[in-house]
């Protein structure tokens, strides 16, 4: 073999050696990769297993918490039943197994109060206690005044209703207030429940023709709000004060059926001057319910929700109001205002005075095939009609007083006159106590009556107030009751405003029941 052949063979041997080295490197790297993959796989499996364990642990805790809440809720519902039974049973003490959770429950005295007011007189003001359980997640379950409530965050739900009942047939509202006495701490296990005392409020039994206000102060006031709304309807809710944790409801509305059967119903009487020639048969002594709170409630409801007109002066409204509900700060007519009832009733809520002294207010197109439409005005202020017409078309003596109704508070002062001042409609502004003048809107001569009428006026309709004074003098006063009003059954409330249910009887008892561990 020559030198060249040996040189080529040596080269080939070197190549094979290097190839074997590369093969060994590849095998070595593949071995490292496999080991690393196994390690990573083990890590992923470990992490996944840990996550599964954590989720399973969390789910198990949630199931346990939910299960305990359900047991406690069931125990508290049973507690409310036993408390109700014990509240009317003086003979024996009852026992039950109170499943109050691992942490137990706490009986708190004087956690709130319940107040009942009728005819501006407080009939009842009693403190109420609470038996309360709080879970690890902050959820609270509580027995209070016969009901069971669950509170999570800012949401309160009723678990079991308190024994409150409204019977629309007899118009009776029953409210047995059951409060907690006895030990402060209640652990799980047997508890003894016994009647301590009962107080009956006889002075709160008959509340016919009056409005009753019930206020509950409680940490669970949101639950009470929902319950009252479901039990007697949403209109009963008068106020919810989140800062003070109170809910106020109103029951009962005023029945004024038959109010306009005569020309005047007056609690104070009639005064005359200058021989106005008033027929005494038009006057009936008596007192009808004030509606101050009803009008105030309408103002609160409508001032933000209905069309706000500001000042009704007859110009900015293009001289016309059509069907609907309106809110105004005052009515001060500079030009004529037509109320067109062709398409439906008109309700005007005025948080101020009504002055018809610069333009006429005339109700038109009220006579419709389906039913006659009506203008109702509710005012917190005074009514002044002077030298202008406030009447129902055609305003020529054909009396249709029902179609124009003005409702005022007991503080309303009314002046009609002087000059040619026809008024056709009804004015309802009764006042229980005696009116002390002078009349603030009657500008001609002194008048100490709530309603003043003077010279050259025609009044067609009916007026309910404390007192009326007629002053003849330079002209006659033509006062005439509209006999068709005897068949009118007026509804105080306008369209879109639901009054609370009527109330005649109020049954309230205060039971104190002791709850103690055996």
Protein backbone atom coordinates (compact mmCIF):
# COMPACT_ATOMS: atom_id res chain seq x y z
CA UNK A 1 0.00 0.00 0.00
CA UNK A 2 1.35 3.38 -0.91
CA UNK A 3 1.64 6.43 1.19
CA UNK A 4 -1.46 7.96 -0.35
CA UNK A 5 -3.62 4.94 0.50
CA UNK A 6 -2.45 4.88 4.10
CA UNK A 7 -3.18 8.58 4.39
CA UNK A 8 -6.74 8.12 3.16
CA UNK A 9 -7.33 5.21 5.55
CA UNK A 10 -6.06 7.30 8.45
CA UNK A 11 -8.46 10.08 7.48
CA UNK A 12 -11.33 7.69 7.36
CA UNK A 13 -10.43 6.36 10.79
CA UNK A 14 -10.47 9.88 12.23
CA UNK A 15 -13.86 10.55 10.74
CA UNK A 16 -15.27 7.41 12.28
CA UNK A 17 -13.82 8.36 15.65
CA UNK A 18 -15.41 11.80 15.51
CA UNK A 19 -18.74 10.29 14.43
CA UNK A 20 -18.69 7.93 17.40
CA UNK A 21 -18.04 10.90 19.70
CA UNK A 22 -21.00 12.77 18.25
CA UNK A 23 -23.23 9.71 18.67
CA UNK A 24 -22.17 9.40 22.30
CA UNK A 25 -23.00 13.11 22.84
CA UNK A 26 -26.42 12.71 21.29
CA UNK A 27 -27.19 9.70 23.45
CA UNK A 28 -25.99 11.60 26.52
CA UNK A 29 -28.20 14.63 25.71
CA UNK A 30 -31.20 12.42 25.04
CA UNK A 31 -30.70 10.81 28.39
CA UNK A 32 -30.61 14.21 30.13
CA UNK A 33 -33.74 15.34 28.29
CA UNK A 34 -35.66 12.24 29.33
CA UNK A 35 -34.64 12.68 32.96
CA UNK A 36 -35.60 16.35 32.87
CA UNK A 37 -38.97 15.49 31.31
CA UNK A 38 -39.67 12.96 34.03
CA UNK A 39 -38.77 15.53 36.69
CA UNK A 40 -41.04 18.14 35.08
CA UNK A 41 -43.86 15.63 34.75
CA UNK A 42 -43.56 14.71 38.41
CA UNK A 43 -43.63 18.45 39.28
CA UNK A 44 -46.72 19.10 37.20
CA UNK A 45 -48.49 16.12 38.74
CA UNK A 46 -47.50 17.28 42.21
CA UNK A 47 -48.73 20.84 41.60
CA UNK A 48 -51.98 19.59 40.08
CA UNK A 49 -52.52 17.26 43.00
CA UNK A 50 -51.87 20.09 45.41
CA UNK A 51 -54.40 22.30 43.54
CA UNK A 52 -56.96 19.54 43.59
CA UNK A 53 -56.40 19.07 47.31
CA UNK A 54 -56.76 22.83 47.93
CA UNK A 55 -59.95 23.07 45.82
CA UNK A 56 -61.34 19.94 47.46
CA UNK A 57 -60.49 21.34 50.88
CA UNK A 58 -62.14 24.69 50.03
CA UNK A 59 -65.22 22.95 48.61
CA UNK A 60 -65.45 20.76 51.68
CA UNK A 61 -65.26 23.82 53.95
CA UNK A 62 -67.99 25.56 51.95
CA UNK A 63 -70.21 22.48 52.12
CA UNK A 64 -69.65 22.24 55.86
CA UNK A 65 -70.43 25.94 56.36
CA UNK A 66 -73.57 25.71 54.24
CA UNK A 67 -74.67 22.58 56.05
CA UNK A 68 -74.19 24.29 59.42
CA UNK A 69 -76.11 27.39 58.28
CA UNK A 70 -78.99 25.21 57.15
CA UNK A 71 -79.03 23.39 60.50
CA UNK A 72 -78.99 26.70 62.39
CA UNK A 73 -81.73 28.17 60.17
CA UNK A 74 -83.90 25.13 60.80
CA UNK A 75 -83.27 25.42 64.54
CA UNK A 76 -84.13 29.14 64.53
CA UNK A 77 -87.36 28.51 62.60
CA UNK A 78 -88.31 25.90 65.21
CA UNK A 79 -87.35 28.41 67.90
CA UNK A 80 -89.74 31.00 66.44
CA UNK A 81 -92.57 28.45 66.50
CA UNK A 82 -91.91 27.50 70.12
CA UNK A 83 -91.57 31.18 71.10
CA UNK A 84 -94.95 31.96 69.51
CA UNK A 85 -96.56 29.05 71.36
CA UNK A 86 -94.96 30.01 74.68
CA UNK A 87 -95.99 33.66 74.32
CA UNK A 88 -99.63 32.74 74.99
CA UNK A 89 -99.06 29.86 77.43
CA UNK A 90 -98.45 30.69 81.08
CA UNK A 91 -98.71 27.14 82.41
CA UNK A 92 -95.59 25.31 81.27
CA UNK A 93 -92.07 25.91 80.09
CA UNK A 94 -91.20 24.27 76.78
CA UNK A 95 -87.86 22.80 75.80
CA UNK A 96 -86.11 22.27 72.48
CA UNK A 97 -82.70 21.32 71.12
CA UNK A 98 -81.20 24.56 69.82
CA UNK A 99 -78.61 23.69 67.18
CA UNK A 100 -76.72 26.95 67.50
CA UNK A 101 -73.52 25.85 65.77
CA UNK A 102 -70.09 25.33 67.25
CA UNK A 103 -69.83 28.94 68.39
CA UNK A 104 -73.30 29.08 69.89
CA UNK A 105 -75.75 31.98 69.76
CA UNK A 106 -76.04 35.25 71.62
CA UNK A 107 -79.25 36.66 73.05
CA UNK A 108 -79.15 40.45 72.90
CA UNK A 109 -81.60 42.66 74.71
CA UNK A 110 -82.76 46.07 73.55
CA UNK A 111 -81.33 45.74 70.04
CA UNK A 112 -84.08 47.92 68.58
CA UNK A 113 -87.64 49.11 69.10
CA UNK A 114 -91.10 49.22 67.60
CA UNK A 115 -93.24 52.38 67.71
CA UNK A 116 -96.91 52.75 66.78
CA UNK A 117 -98.45 56.22 66.27
CA UNK A 118 -102.09 57.05 65.47
CA UNK A 119 -103.69 60.48 65.27
CA UNK A 120 -100.30 62.05 66.11
CA UNK A 121 -100.30 60.19 69.46
CA UNK A 122 -97.73 57.49 70.23
CA UNK A 123 -99.63 54.41 71.37
CA UNK A 124 -96.71 52.01 71.71
CA UNK A 125 -92.94 52.22 72.02
CA UNK A 126 -91.38 48.90 73.02
CA UNK A 127 -87.82 47.60 72.79
CA UNK A 128 -87.16 44.30 71.05
CA UNK A 129 -84.41 41.74 71.55
CA UNK A 130 -82.57 39.39 69.21
CA UNK A 131 -81.13 35.88 69.34
CA UNK A 132 -78.28 35.87 66.85
CA UNK A 133 -75.83 33.39 65.33
CA UNK A 134 -72.85 34.46 63.22
CA UNK A 135 -70.98 32.04 60.92
CA UNK A 136 -67.30 32.08 60.02
CA UNK A 137 -68.10 33.79 56.71
CA UNK A 138 -69.92 36.65 58.45
CA UNK A 139 -73.44 35.43 57.61
CA UNK A 140 -75.81 36.17 60.47
CA UNK A 141 -79.01 34.30 61.32
CA UNK A 142 -81.28 35.98 63.82
CA UNK A 143 -84.59 35.57 65.59
CA UNK A 144 -86.28 38.91 66.20
CA UNK A 145 -89.87 39.84 67.11
CA UNK A 146 -91.25 36.52 65.87
CA UNK A 147 -89.37 36.41 62.55
CA UNK A 148 -86.13 34.75 61.42
CA UNK A 149 -83.75 36.71 59.23
CA UNK A 150 -80.56 35.92 57.32
CA UNK A 151 -78.08 38.70 56.58
CA UNK A 152 -75.15 38.33 54.18
CA UNK A 153 -73.25 41.54 53.57
CA UNK A 154 -75.82 44.26 52.92
CA UNK A 155 -78.57 41.85 51.91
CA UNK A 156 -81.20 40.75 54.41
CA UNK A 157 -83.63 37.96 53.61
CA UNK A 158 -86.58 36.68 55.56
CA UNK A 159 -86.25 33.00 56.47
CA UNK A 160 -89.46 32.80 58.50
CA UNK A 161 -92.15 35.47 58.67
CA UNK A 162 -93.08 37.23 61.91
CA UNK A 163 -96.68 36.59 63.06
CA UNK A 164 -98.03 39.80 61.53
CA UNK A 165 -101.30 39.65 59.64
CA UNK A 166 -103.57 42.06 57.78
CA UNK A 167 -107.17 41.01 57.10
CA UNK A 168 -108.67 43.18 54.33
CA UNK A 169 -112.17 41.83 55.01
CA UNK A 170 -112.33 43.11 58.59
CA UNK A 171 -109.68 45.82 57.98
CA UNK A 172 -107.74 44.48 60.96
CA UNK A 173 -103.98 44.60 61.45
CA UNK A 174 -102.60 42.19 64.08
CA UNK A 175 -99.06 42.56 65.38
CA UNK A 176 -97.99 40.40 68.35
CA UNK A 177 -94.55 41.69 69.39
CA UNK A 178 -92.49 38.85 70.90
CA UNK A 179 -89.29 39.97 72.63
CA UNK A 180 -86.46 38.00 74.22
CA UNK A 181 -85.61 37.78 77.90
CA UNK A 182 -83.35 35.48 79.89
CA UNK A 183 -79.66 34.64 79.53
CA UNK A 184 -77.29 36.43 77.21
CA UNK A 185 -75.30 33.42 75.96
CA UNK A 186 -77.02 30.39 74.47
CA UNK A 187 -74.97 27.32 73.59
CA UNK A 188 -76.05 24.44 71.42
CA UNK A 189 -78.24 21.96 73.23
CA UNK A 190 -81.44 21.99 75.22
CA UNK A 191 -82.97 25.38 76.04
CA UNK A 192 -85.99 26.18 78.18
CA UNK A 193 -88.52 28.64 76.81
CA UNK A 194 -91.12 30.16 79.07
CA UNK A 195 -93.64 33.01 79.04
CA UNK A 196 -92.68 35.96 81.24
CA UNK A 197 -95.38 38.62 80.70
CA UNK A 198 -97.88 39.99 78.19
CA UNK A 199 -99.02 43.58 77.78
CA UNK A 200 -102.24 44.40 75.89
CA UNK A 201 -102.74 47.84 74.36
CA UNK A 202 -106.46 48.53 74.64
CA UNK A 203 -106.04 52.15 73.55
CA UNK A 204 -104.90 50.98 70.13
CA UNK A 205 -107.87 48.78 69.26
CA UNK A 206 -110.12 51.03 67.14
CA UNK A 207 -108.39 53.33 64.68
CA UNK A 208 -111.14 53.93 62.12
CA UNK A 209 -110.68 56.98 59.90
CA UNK A 210 -107.14 57.49 61.05
CA UNK A 211 -103.71 56.75 59.70
CA UNK A 212 -101.45 54.45 61.73
CA UNK A 213 -97.66 54.67 61.45
CA UNK A 214 -95.44 51.78 62.54
CA UNK A 215 -91.66 52.28 62.81
CA UNK A 216 -89.22 49.40 63.35
CA UNK A 217 -85.61 50.08 64.29
CA UNK A 218 -83.47 47.02 63.69
CA UNK A 219 -80.20 45.85 62.18
CA UNK A 220 -82.46 43.75 59.95
CA UNK A 221 -84.60 46.66 58.82
CA UNK A 222 -84.16 45.69 55.14
CA UNK A 223 -85.86 42.39 55.85
CA UNK A 224 -88.68 44.14 57.70
CA UNK A 225 -89.13 46.48 54.73
CA UNK A 226 -89.53 43.60 52.31
CA UNK A 227 -91.90 41.77 54.61
CA UNK A 228 -94.24 44.75 55.16
CA UNK A 229 -94.33 45.39 51.41
CA UNK A 230 -95.28 41.77 50.69
CA UNK A 231 -97.82 41.60 53.51
CA UNK A 232 -99.75 44.84 52.91
CA UNK A 233 -98.44 46.15 49.58
CA UNK A 234 -95.61 48.49 48.54
CA UNK A 235 -97.63 51.69 49.22
CA UNK A 236 -97.39 51.05 52.98
CA UNK A 237 -93.65 51.86 52.94
CA UNK A 238 -93.40 55.49 53.96
CA UNK A 239 -89.70 55.86 54.75
CA UNK A 240 -86.49 53.83 54.93
CA UNK A 241 -83.65 55.47 56.88
CA UNK A 242 -80.43 53.56 56.16
CA UNK A 243 -78.34 55.69 58.51
CA UNK A 244 -80.59 55.01 61.51
CA UNK A 245 -81.60 51.50 60.35
CA UNK A 246 -85.33 52.19 60.54
CA UNK A 247 -88.29 51.38 58.30
CA UNK A 248 -91.59 53.26 58.66
CA UNK A 249 -94.89 52.00 57.27
CA UNK A 250 -98.31 53.62 57.19
CA UNK A 251 -101.59 51.77 57.32
CA UNK A 252 -105.09 53.12 56.88
CA UNK A 253 -106.35 55.91 54.68
CA UNK A 254 -109.10 58.42 55.07
CA UNK A 255 -112.62 57.69 53.91
CA UNK A 256 -114.37 60.90 52.81
CA UNK A 257 -117.36 59.25 51.18
CA UNK A 258 -120.34 61.61 51.55
CA UNK A 259 -118.14 64.63 52.23
CA UNK A 260 -119.85 66.76 49.57
CA UNK A 261 -123.47 65.94 50.34
CA UNK A 262 -124.00 69.53 51.51
CA UNK A 263 -122.64 72.90 50.50
CA UNK A 264 -120.44 73.33 53.59
CA UNK A 265 -119.13 70.94 56.24
CA UNK A 266 -117.47 73.08 58.88
CA UNK A 267 -115.98 72.25 62.27
CA UNK A 268 -115.93 75.92 63.32
CA UNK A 269 -119.04 77.51 61.81
CA UNK A 270 -120.25 80.27 59.48
CA UNK A 271 -119.82 84.02 59.85
CA UNK A 272 -121.68 86.73 57.93
CA UNK A 273 -121.41 90.45 57.36
CA UNK A 274 -123.32 92.90 55.19
CA UNK A 275 -126.36 90.63 54.74
CA UNK A 276 -124.97 88.25 52.10
CA UNK A 277 -128.14 86.14 52.10
CA UNK A 278 -126.70 82.66 52.70
CA UNK A 279 -129.12 79.74 53.03
CA UNK A 280 -128.56 77.98 56.36
CA UNK A 281 -129.57 74.67 54.76
CA UNK A 282 -126.29 74.70 52.86
CA UNK A 283 -124.33 74.40 56.11
CA UNK A 284 -123.63 71.16 58.05
CA UNK A 285 -121.62 71.27 61.29
CA UNK A 286 -119.05 68.52 61.55
CA UNK A 287 -115.46 67.46 61.14
CA UNK A 288 -113.86 65.42 58.38
CA UNK A 289 -110.34 63.91 58.34
CA UNK A 290 -107.37 66.15 57.62
CA UNK A 291 -105.16 65.04 54.71
CA UNK A 292 -101.91 66.84 55.55
CA UNK A 293 -99.84 63.65 55.55
CA UNK A 294 -101.41 62.47 52.28
CA UNK A 295 -100.50 65.71 50.49
CA UNK A 296 -96.99 65.72 51.96
CA UNK A 297 -96.54 62.17 50.73
CA UNK A 298 -97.71 63.15 47.24
CA UNK A 299 -95.20 66.01 47.15
CA UNK A 300 -92.38 63.65 48.15
CA UNK A 301 -93.42 61.09 45.55
CA UNK A 302 -94.11 63.37 42.61
CA UNK A 303 -91.49 66.12 42.90
CA UNK A 304 -88.76 63.90 41.42
CA UNK A 305 -90.80 61.58 39.23
CA UNK A 306 -93.41 63.73 37.49
CA UNK A 307 -93.08 66.59 35.01
CA UNK A 308 -91.79 69.56 36.98
CA UNK A 309 -93.34 72.81 35.75
CA UNK A 310 -91.78 75.24 38.20
CA UNK A 311 -94.24 78.17 38.27
CA UNK A 312 -97.49 77.69 36.34
CA UNK A 313 -98.27 81.16 35.01
CA UNK A 314 -100.32 80.33 31.91
CA UNK A 315 -97.59 81.40 29.49
CA UNK A 316 -94.80 78.82 29.80
CA UNK A 317 -97.35 76.00 29.41
CA UNK A 318 -98.66 77.47 26.16
CA UNK A 319 -101.87 78.16 28.01
CA UNK A 320 -102.89 74.48 28.33
CA UNK A 321 -102.43 71.36 30.43
CA UNK A 322 -103.47 68.00 28.97
CA UNK A 323 -103.91 64.57 30.56
CA UNK A 324 -101.19 63.52 32.99
CA UNK A 325 -99.64 64.29 36.36
CA UNK A 326 -97.68 67.50 36.93
CA UNK A 327 -95.68 68.96 39.78
CA UNK A 328 -95.34 72.70 40.36
CA UNK A 329 -93.69 74.97 42.89
CA UNK A 330 -96.64 77.37 42.65
CA UNK A 331 -99.54 78.44 40.42
CA UNK A 332 -99.55 82.20 39.74
CA UNK A 333 -101.59 82.86 36.62
CA UNK A 334 -100.64 85.87 34.55
CA UNK A 335 -102.71 84.69 31.60
CA UNK A 336 -105.57 82.22 31.07
CA UNK A 337 -104.87 78.52 31.62
CA UNK A 338 -107.01 75.83 29.99
CA UNK A 339 -107.05 72.31 31.43
CA UNK A 340 -108.00 70.05 28.53
CA UNK A 341 -109.40 66.72 29.76
CA UNK A 342 -110.20 65.27 26.34
CA UNK A 343 -107.58 62.50 26.66
CA UNK A 344 -107.84 61.83 30.40
CA UNK A 345 -107.61 63.16 33.93
CA UNK A 346 -105.15 65.84 35.04
CA UNK A 347 -103.42 65.82 38.42
CA UNK A 348 -101.52 68.91 39.56
CA UNK A 349 -99.47 68.67 42.77
CA UNK A 350 -98.41 72.12 44.00
CA UNK A 351 -95.83 72.57 46.75
CA UNK A 352 -96.90 76.17 47.30
CA UNK A 353 -99.72 78.67 46.71
CA UNK A 354 -102.39 78.80 44.01
CA UNK A 355 -103.14 82.31 42.78
CA UNK A 356 -105.87 82.81 40.14
CA UNK A 357 -105.70 86.59 40.03
CA UNK A 358 -104.26 87.45 36.61
CA UNK A 359 -105.90 84.90 34.32
CA UNK A 360 -108.78 82.40 34.27
CA UNK A 361 -108.44 78.69 35.02
CA UNK A 362 -111.04 76.77 32.99
CA UNK A 363 -111.59 72.99 32.75
CA UNK A 364 -112.65 71.92 29.24
CA UNK A 365 -113.57 68.76 27.32
CA UNK A 366 -114.30 66.83 30.51
CA UNK A 367 -117.51 65.25 29.17
CA UNK A 368 -116.39 62.06 27.38
CA UNK A 369 -118.36 59.02 26.14
CA UNK A 370 -116.63 56.51 28.44
CA UNK A 371 -116.51 58.58 31.62
CA UNK A 372 -116.25 62.16 32.74
CA UNK A 373 -112.69 63.30 33.39
CA UNK A 374 -111.51 65.35 36.36
CA UNK A 375 -108.90 67.93 37.37
CA UNK A 376 -107.48 67.31 40.86
CA UNK A 377 -105.23 69.91 42.48
CA UNK A 378 -103.28 69.15 45.68
CA UNK A 379 -101.61 72.07 47.43
CA UNK A 380 -99.46 72.61 50.49
CA UNK A 381 -100.17 76.38 50.34
CA UNK A 382 -103.09 78.80 50.00
CA UNK A 383 -105.80 79.42 47.37
CA UNK A 384 -106.57 82.94 46.16
CA UNK A 385 -109.20 83.62 43.45
CA UNK A 386 -109.89 87.29 42.71
CA UNK A 387 -111.56 88.95 39.69
CA UNK A 388 -111.01 85.79 37.61
CA UNK A 389 -112.84 82.59 36.79
CA UNK A 390 -111.98 79.19 38.20
CA UNK A 391 -114.66 76.96 36.77
CA UNK A 392 -115.79 74.07 34.55
CA UNK A 393 -116.74 74.85 30.97
CA UNK A 394 -119.18 76.33 29.96
CA UNK A 395 -118.91 78.43 33.20
CA UNK A 396 -122.42 79.81 32.65
CA UNK A 397 -124.20 78.49 35.72
CA UNK A 398 -124.52 74.91 34.48
CA UNK A 399 -122.98 73.25 37.49
CA UNK A 400 -120.43 70.43 37.09
CA UNK A 401 -118.46 70.90 40.28
CA UNK A 402 -117.14 67.33 40.43
CA UNK A 403 -114.77 68.00 37.53
CA UNK A 404 -112.67 70.54 39.48
CA UNK A 405 -111.39 69.39 42.87
CA UNK A 406 -108.98 71.29 45.12
CA UNK A 407 -107.42 69.49 48.11
CA UNK A 408 -105.47 71.41 50.73
CA UNK A 409 -103.91 70.93 54.13
CA UNK A 410 -105.45 72.15 57.37
CA UNK A 411 -103.18 75.21 57.05
CA UNK A 412 -104.67 76.31 53.71
CA UNK A 413 -106.22 79.81 53.66
CA UNK A 414 -108.83 80.43 50.95
CA UNK A 415 -110.01 83.76 49.54
CA UNK A 416 -112.64 84.13 46.80
CA UNK A 417 -113.48 87.69 45.74
CA UNK A 418 -113.78 90.55 45.25
CA UNK A 419 -115.06 91.46 41.83
CA UNK A 420 -116.48 89.04 39.31
CA UNK A 421 -114.99 85.81 40.71
CA UNK A 422 -116.98 82.71 39.76
CA UNK A 423 -115.79 79.49 41.39
CA UNK A 424 -117.16 76.11 40.39
CA UNK A 425 -115.76 73.02 42.09
CA UNK A 426 -115.06 71.48 45.47
CA UNK A 427 -112.58 72.63 48.12
CA UNK A 428 -111.47 70.07 50.70
CA UNK A 429 -109.22 71.54 53.43
CA UNK A 430 -110.64 70.41 56.79
CA UNK A 431 -109.15 71.46 60.10
CA UNK A 432 -109.82 69.73 63.43
CA UNK A 433 -108.93 72.60 65.74
CA UNK A 434 -110.26 76.15 65.66
CA UNK A 435 -108.89 78.44 62.96
CA UNK A 436 -107.13 81.48 64.33
CA UNK A 437 -107.02 84.35 61.84
CA UNK A 438 -106.41 86.50 60.15
CA UNK A 439 -106.77 84.92 56.71
CA UNK A 440 -103.40 85.61 55.08
CA UNK A 441 -104.57 85.80 51.45
CA UNK A 442 -107.77 87.82 51.83
CA UNK A 443 -106.71 91.36 51.00
CA UNK A 444 -109.99 93.29 51.35
CA UNK A 445 -111.01 93.94 54.93
CA UNK A 446 -110.21 91.79 57.91
CA UNK A 447 -111.35 88.16 57.84
CA UNK A 448 -110.66 85.66 60.61
CA UNK A 449 -112.09 82.59 58.87
CA UNK A 450 -110.22 79.87 57.01
CA UNK A 451 -112.34 80.55 53.90
CA UNK A 452 -113.32 84.15 53.04
CA UNK A 453 -115.84 85.07 50.31
CA UNK A 454 -116.67 88.69 49.51
CA UNK A 455 -118.95 90.63 47.14
CA UNK A 456 -120.08 89.81 43.63
CA UNK A 457 -119.02 86.19 43.55
CA UNK A 458 -120.72 83.02 42.48
CA UNK A 459 -119.78 79.82 44.25
CA UNK A 460 -121.09 76.52 42.86
CA UNK A 461 -120.03 73.30 44.55
CA UNK A 462 -119.00 72.42 48.10
CA UNK A 463 -116.42 73.47 50.67
CA UNK A 464 -115.05 71.51 53.65
CA UNK A 465 -113.00 73.55 56.11
CA UNK A 466 -112.90 74.88 59.65
CA UNK A 467 -114.83 78.10 59.07
CA UNK A 468 -116.28 80.30 56.31
CA UNK A 469 -117.07 84.02 56.43
CA UNK A 470 -119.35 85.69 53.85
CA UNK A 471 -119.10 89.46 53.45
CA UNK A 472 -121.85 91.11 51.38
CA UNK A 473 -121.57 94.87 51.44
CA UNK A 474 -121.31 96.38 47.96
CA UNK A 475 -122.49 93.24 46.15
CA UNK A 476 -124.26 89.96 46.62
CA UNK A 477 -122.79 86.52 47.22
CA UNK A 478 -124.44 83.74 45.28
CA UNK A 479 -123.60 80.47 47.05
CA UNK A 480 -125.14 77.29 45.67
CA UNK A 481 -124.48 73.65 46.49
CA UNK A 482 -124.24 71.32 43.48
CA UNK A 483 -126.83 68.61 44.30
CA UNK A 484 -125.12 66.16 41.94
CA UNK A 485 -122.24 65.98 44.44
CA UNK A 486 -124.46 63.90 46.72
CA UNK A 487 -123.88 60.99 44.33
CA UNK A 488 -120.12 61.50 44.15
CA UNK A 489 -117.86 58.98 45.87
CA UNK A 490 -114.55 60.83 45.82
CA UNK A 491 -111.15 59.17 45.84
CA UNK A 492 -108.52 61.30 47.50
CA UNK A 493 -105.70 59.65 45.61
CA UNK A 494 -104.90 60.63 42.02
CA UNK A 495 -103.96 58.23 39.26
CA UNK A 496 -100.59 56.61 39.85
CA UNK A 497 -100.78 57.05 43.61
CA UNK A 498 -101.89 54.06 45.66
CA UNK A 499 -102.93 54.68 49.23
CA UNK A 500 -102.18 52.08 51.90
CA UNK A 501 -104.95 49.60 52.75
CA UNK A 502 -107.83 50.78 54.88
CA UNK A 503 -107.61 50.10 58.61
CA UNK A 504 -110.31 49.92 61.28
CA UNK A 505 -108.91 47.67 64.01
CA UNK A 506 -105.38 47.41 65.37
CA UNK A 507 -104.53 44.44 67.61
CA UNK A 508 -101.12 44.76 69.26
CA UNK A 509 -99.76 42.64 72.10
CA UNK A 510 -96.31 42.69 73.66
CA UNK A 511 -95.09 39.28 74.85
CA UNK A 512 -91.80 38.79 76.69
CA UNK A 513 -90.46 35.22 76.57
CA UNK A 514 -87.41 33.97 78.48
CA UNK A 515 -84.92 31.68 76.71
CA UNK A 516 -82.26 29.92 78.81
CA UNK A 517 -79.97 26.89 78.56
CA UNK A 518 -81.02 23.95 80.71
